[in-house]
Amino acid sequence: PCGTGRLLPELARAGYRAVGADVALEMMRRGLALRASRSPLVQADAQRLPFQSACFDAVVSVRFLFHLGPEERRRSLAEMRRVSKDGLVVGEVRTRGTLKHLGRWLRSRVGLSARYRPAQNRAELTAELMAAGLELVALRPVSRLFSDKAFFLARPAQRRRGMPAEVGRV
């Protein structure tokens, strides 16, 4: 999901041809008003992307997946894998063990935060990616202390001997 498309100009300057997709038409309208990007924008649900299989070199998802429940995340990740030529997915998750995570948790406990978004540890993220047919390649925190966010790199899971072919299919 691209929101206002603020990363699209950076990708274009780096020589990539990018397409932004978001379910929120209003966010894309804001991006167009700001002239944030000249890249194409498509209104789309991440769980049912309107793109052909293997039509992108990679899929980048920032500030999105942690807004979804586990099943929505799995379906969205599987769709991202489907539309990526090599199944390469770069995403962002919330992690535990940081001051930011502790602060979010405490604010939710005393009623100062309307919603607490659960964080994932490496094992939970790995399991979720496997359920979407992906395997974790790298997980890098933004800051080990002050940010509860981390970026991950995932690729299609390798079929193991004895694993049914339908594992990871949507």
Protein backbone atom coordinates (compact mmCIF):
# COMPACT_ATOMS: atom_id res chain seq x y z
CA PRO A 1 0.00 0.00 0.00
CA CYS A 2 1.33 3.36 -1.01
CA GLY A 3 -0.82 5.79 0.95
CA THR A 4 0.10 9.17 -0.52
CA GLY A 5 2.89 7.57 -2.54
CA ARG A 6 5.69 9.35 -0.73
CA LEU A 7 8.23 6.56 -1.44
CA LEU A 8 7.41 6.37 -5.14
CA PRO A 9 9.49 9.43 -6.21
CA GLU A 10 12.51 8.02 -4.36
CA LEU A 11 12.15 4.71 -6.17
CA ALA A 12 11.82 6.55 -9.51
CA ARG A 13 14.94 8.64 -8.80
CA ALA A 14 16.81 5.41 -8.10
CA GLY A 15 15.84 4.15 -11.55
CA TYR A 16 12.93 1.88 -10.63
CA ARG A 17 9.54 1.90 -12.31
CA ALA A 18 7.09 1.79 -9.43
CA VAL A 19 3.34 1.37 -9.12
CA GLY A 20 1.52 2.46 -5.98
CA ALA A 21 -1.51 0.58 -4.69
CA ASP A 22 -3.74 1.45 -1.76
CA VAL A 23 -7.29 0.65 -0.72
CA ALA A 24 -7.84 4.25 0.48
CA LEU A 25 -8.74 6.46 -2.47
CA GLU A 26 -8.50 9.56 -0.25
CA MET A 27 -4.83 8.85 0.53
CA MET A 28 -4.02 8.55 -3.16
CA ARG A 29 -5.92 11.79 -3.87
CA ARG A 30 -3.79 13.55 -1.26
CA GLY A 31 -0.67 12.22 -2.92
CA LEU A 32 -1.83 13.47 -6.30
CA ALA A 33 -2.64 16.90 -4.81
CA LEU A 34 0.85 17.06 -3.31
CA ARG A 35 2.33 15.89 -6.62
CA ALA A 36 4.22 13.38 -4.50
CA SER A 37 4.60 10.98 -7.39
CA ARG A 38 4.14 10.64 -11.12
CA SER A 39 4.03 6.86 -10.77
CA PRO A 40 0.73 5.13 -11.54
CA LEU A 41 -1.61 4.71 -8.56
CA VAL A 42 -4.15 1.88 -8.35
CA GLN A 43 -6.93 1.49 -5.81
CA ALA A 44 -6.61 -2.10 -4.60
CA ASP A 45 -7.14 -4.42 -1.66
CA ALA A 46 -3.81 -5.97 -0.60
CA GLN A 47 -5.55 -9.33 -0.09
CA ARG A 48 -6.74 -9.39 -3.72
CA LEU A 49 -4.25 -7.43 -5.81
CA PRO A 50 -5.47 -6.67 -9.37
CA PHE A 51 -2.10 -7.47 -10.94
CA GLN A 52 -0.90 -10.45 -12.94
CA SER A 53 1.29 -12.98 -11.19
CA ALA A 54 5.03 -12.25 -11.29
CA CYS A 55 4.59 -8.76 -12.77
CA PHE A 56 6.87 -6.85 -10.34
CA ASP A 57 10.54 -7.32 -9.48
CA ALA A 58 9.77 -6.84 -5.78
CA VAL A 59 7.03 -5.64 -3.45
CA VAL A 60 7.70 -3.06 -0.74
CA SER A 61 5.22 -2.59 2.09
CA VAL A 62 5.85 0.06 4.76
CA ARG A 63 3.61 1.13 7.67
CA PHE A 64 0.87 -1.29 6.65
CA LEU A 65 1.11 -4.90 7.78
CA PHE A 66 0.95 -4.14 11.52
CA HIS A 67 -2.51 -2.61 10.99
CA LEU A 68 -3.89 -6.01 9.94
CA GLY A 69 -4.99 -9.04 11.88
CA PRO A 70 -3.01 -12.30 11.46
CA GLU A 71 -5.19 -13.82 8.73
CA GLU A 72 -5.37 -10.57 6.74
CA ARG A 73 -1.58 -10.28 7.00
CA ARG A 74 -1.08 -13.84 5.76
CA ARG A 75 -3.35 -13.29 2.75
CA SER A 76 -1.72 -9.93 1.97
CA LEU A 77 1.78 -11.43 2.20
CA ALA A 78 0.75 -14.33 -0.05
CA GLU A 79 -0.58 -11.82 -2.61
CA MET A 80 2.64 -9.83 -2.43
CA ARG A 81 4.58 -13.02 -3.06
CA ARG A 82 2.30 -13.86 -6.01
CA VAL A 83 2.79 -10.56 -7.85
CA SER A 84 6.58 -10.47 -7.34
CA LYS A 85 8.65 -12.17 -10.08
CA ASP A 86 10.98 -13.82 -7.63
CA GLY A 87 8.60 -13.61 -4.68
CA LEU A 88 10.78 -10.94 -3.08
CA VAL A 89 8.92 -9.00 -0.37
CA VAL A 90 10.28 -6.17 1.77
CA GLY A 91 8.04 -5.26 4.69
CA GLU A 92 7.86 -3.67 8.09
CA VAL A 93 6.69 -5.10 11.41
CA ARG A 94 6.50 -3.98 15.02
CA THR A 95 8.89 -5.80 17.33
CA ARG A 96 9.20 -6.25 21.08
CA GLY A 97 12.01 -5.42 23.47
CA THR A 98 12.38 -1.69 22.78
CA LEU A 99 11.53 1.40 24.84
CA LYS A 100 9.01 2.41 22.17
CA HIS A 101 7.22 -0.95 22.46
CA LEU A 102 7.19 -0.72 26.26
CA GLY A 103 5.79 2.81 26.07
CA ARG A 104 3.02 1.74 23.68
CA TRP A 105 2.13 -1.19 25.92
CA LEU A 106 2.05 0.97 29.08
CA ARG A 107 -0.09 3.68 27.43
CA SER A 108 -2.59 1.03 26.37
CA ARG A 109 -2.73 -0.41 29.90
CA VAL A 110 -3.55 2.94 31.54
CA GLY A 111 -6.05 3.99 28.88
CA LEU A 112 -3.94 6.66 27.16
CA SER A 113 -3.91 4.85 23.85
CA ALA A 114 -7.04 3.87 21.97
CA ARG A 115 -5.48 0.80 20.41
CA TYR A 116 -2.46 -1.34 21.12
CA ARG A 117 -1.04 -3.05 18.07
CA PRO A 118 0.60 -6.32 19.01
CA ALA A 119 4.24 -6.77 18.11
CA GLN A 120 5.89 -9.89 16.73
CA ASN A 121 9.06 -11.66 17.64
CA ARG A 122 11.26 -13.40 15.05
CA ALA A 123 9.62 -16.82 15.58
CA GLU A 124 6.10 -15.39 15.12
CA LEU A 125 7.10 -13.48 11.99
CA THR A 126 8.86 -16.56 10.58
CA ALA A 127 5.73 -18.68 11.15
CA GLU A 128 3.49 -16.05 9.59
CA LEU A 129 5.71 -15.74 6.54
CA MET A 130 5.83 -19.55 6.15
CA ALA A 131 2.01 -19.65 6.24
CA ALA A 132 2.10 -17.22 3.29
CA GLY A 133 4.66 -19.34 1.42
CA LEU A 134 7.61 -17.09 2.29
CA GLU A 135 10.75 -17.51 4.34
CA LEU A 136 12.54 -14.85 6.34
CA VAL A 137 15.89 -13.80 4.85
CA ALA A 138 16.67 -10.83 7.10
CA LEU A 139 15.11 -8.85 9.94
CA ARG A 140 16.69 -5.46 10.70
CA PRO A 141 15.49 -3.15 13.49
CA VAL A 142 15.19 0.55 12.74
CA SER A 143 16.70 1.17 16.19
CA ARG A 144 17.28 -1.52 18.79
CA LEU A 145 16.27 0.85 21.57
CA PHE A 146 14.04 3.70 20.38
CA SER A 147 11.91 2.28 17.58
CA ASP A 148 9.63 -0.73 17.74
CA LYS A 149 9.78 -1.19 13.98
CA ALA A 150 11.93 -3.54 11.96
CA PHE A 151 12.22 -4.21 8.25
CA PHE A 152 12.20 -7.74 6.89
CA LEU A 153 13.24 -9.29 3.62
CA ALA A 154 11.43 -12.46 2.59
CA ARG A 155 11.55 -14.75 -0.42
CA PRO A 156 9.53 -17.80 -1.48
CA ALA A 157 9.89 -20.67 0.93
CA GLN A 158 11.87 -23.60 -0.39
CA ARG A 159 9.83 -26.77 -0.53
CA ARG A 160 11.25 -29.29 1.87
CA ARG A 161 11.20 -33.03 1.27
CA GLY A 162 7.83 -34.32 2.45
CA MET A 163 6.16 -30.89 2.40
CA PRO A 164 2.90 -30.92 0.44
CA ALA A 165 2.90 -28.73 -2.70
CA GLU A 166 -0.15 -26.79 -1.51
CA VAL A 167 1.63 -25.37 1.56
CA GLY A 168 1.77 -21.61 1.19
CA ARG A 169 -0.92 -21.41 -1.49
CA VAL A 170 -3.84 -19.06 -1.01
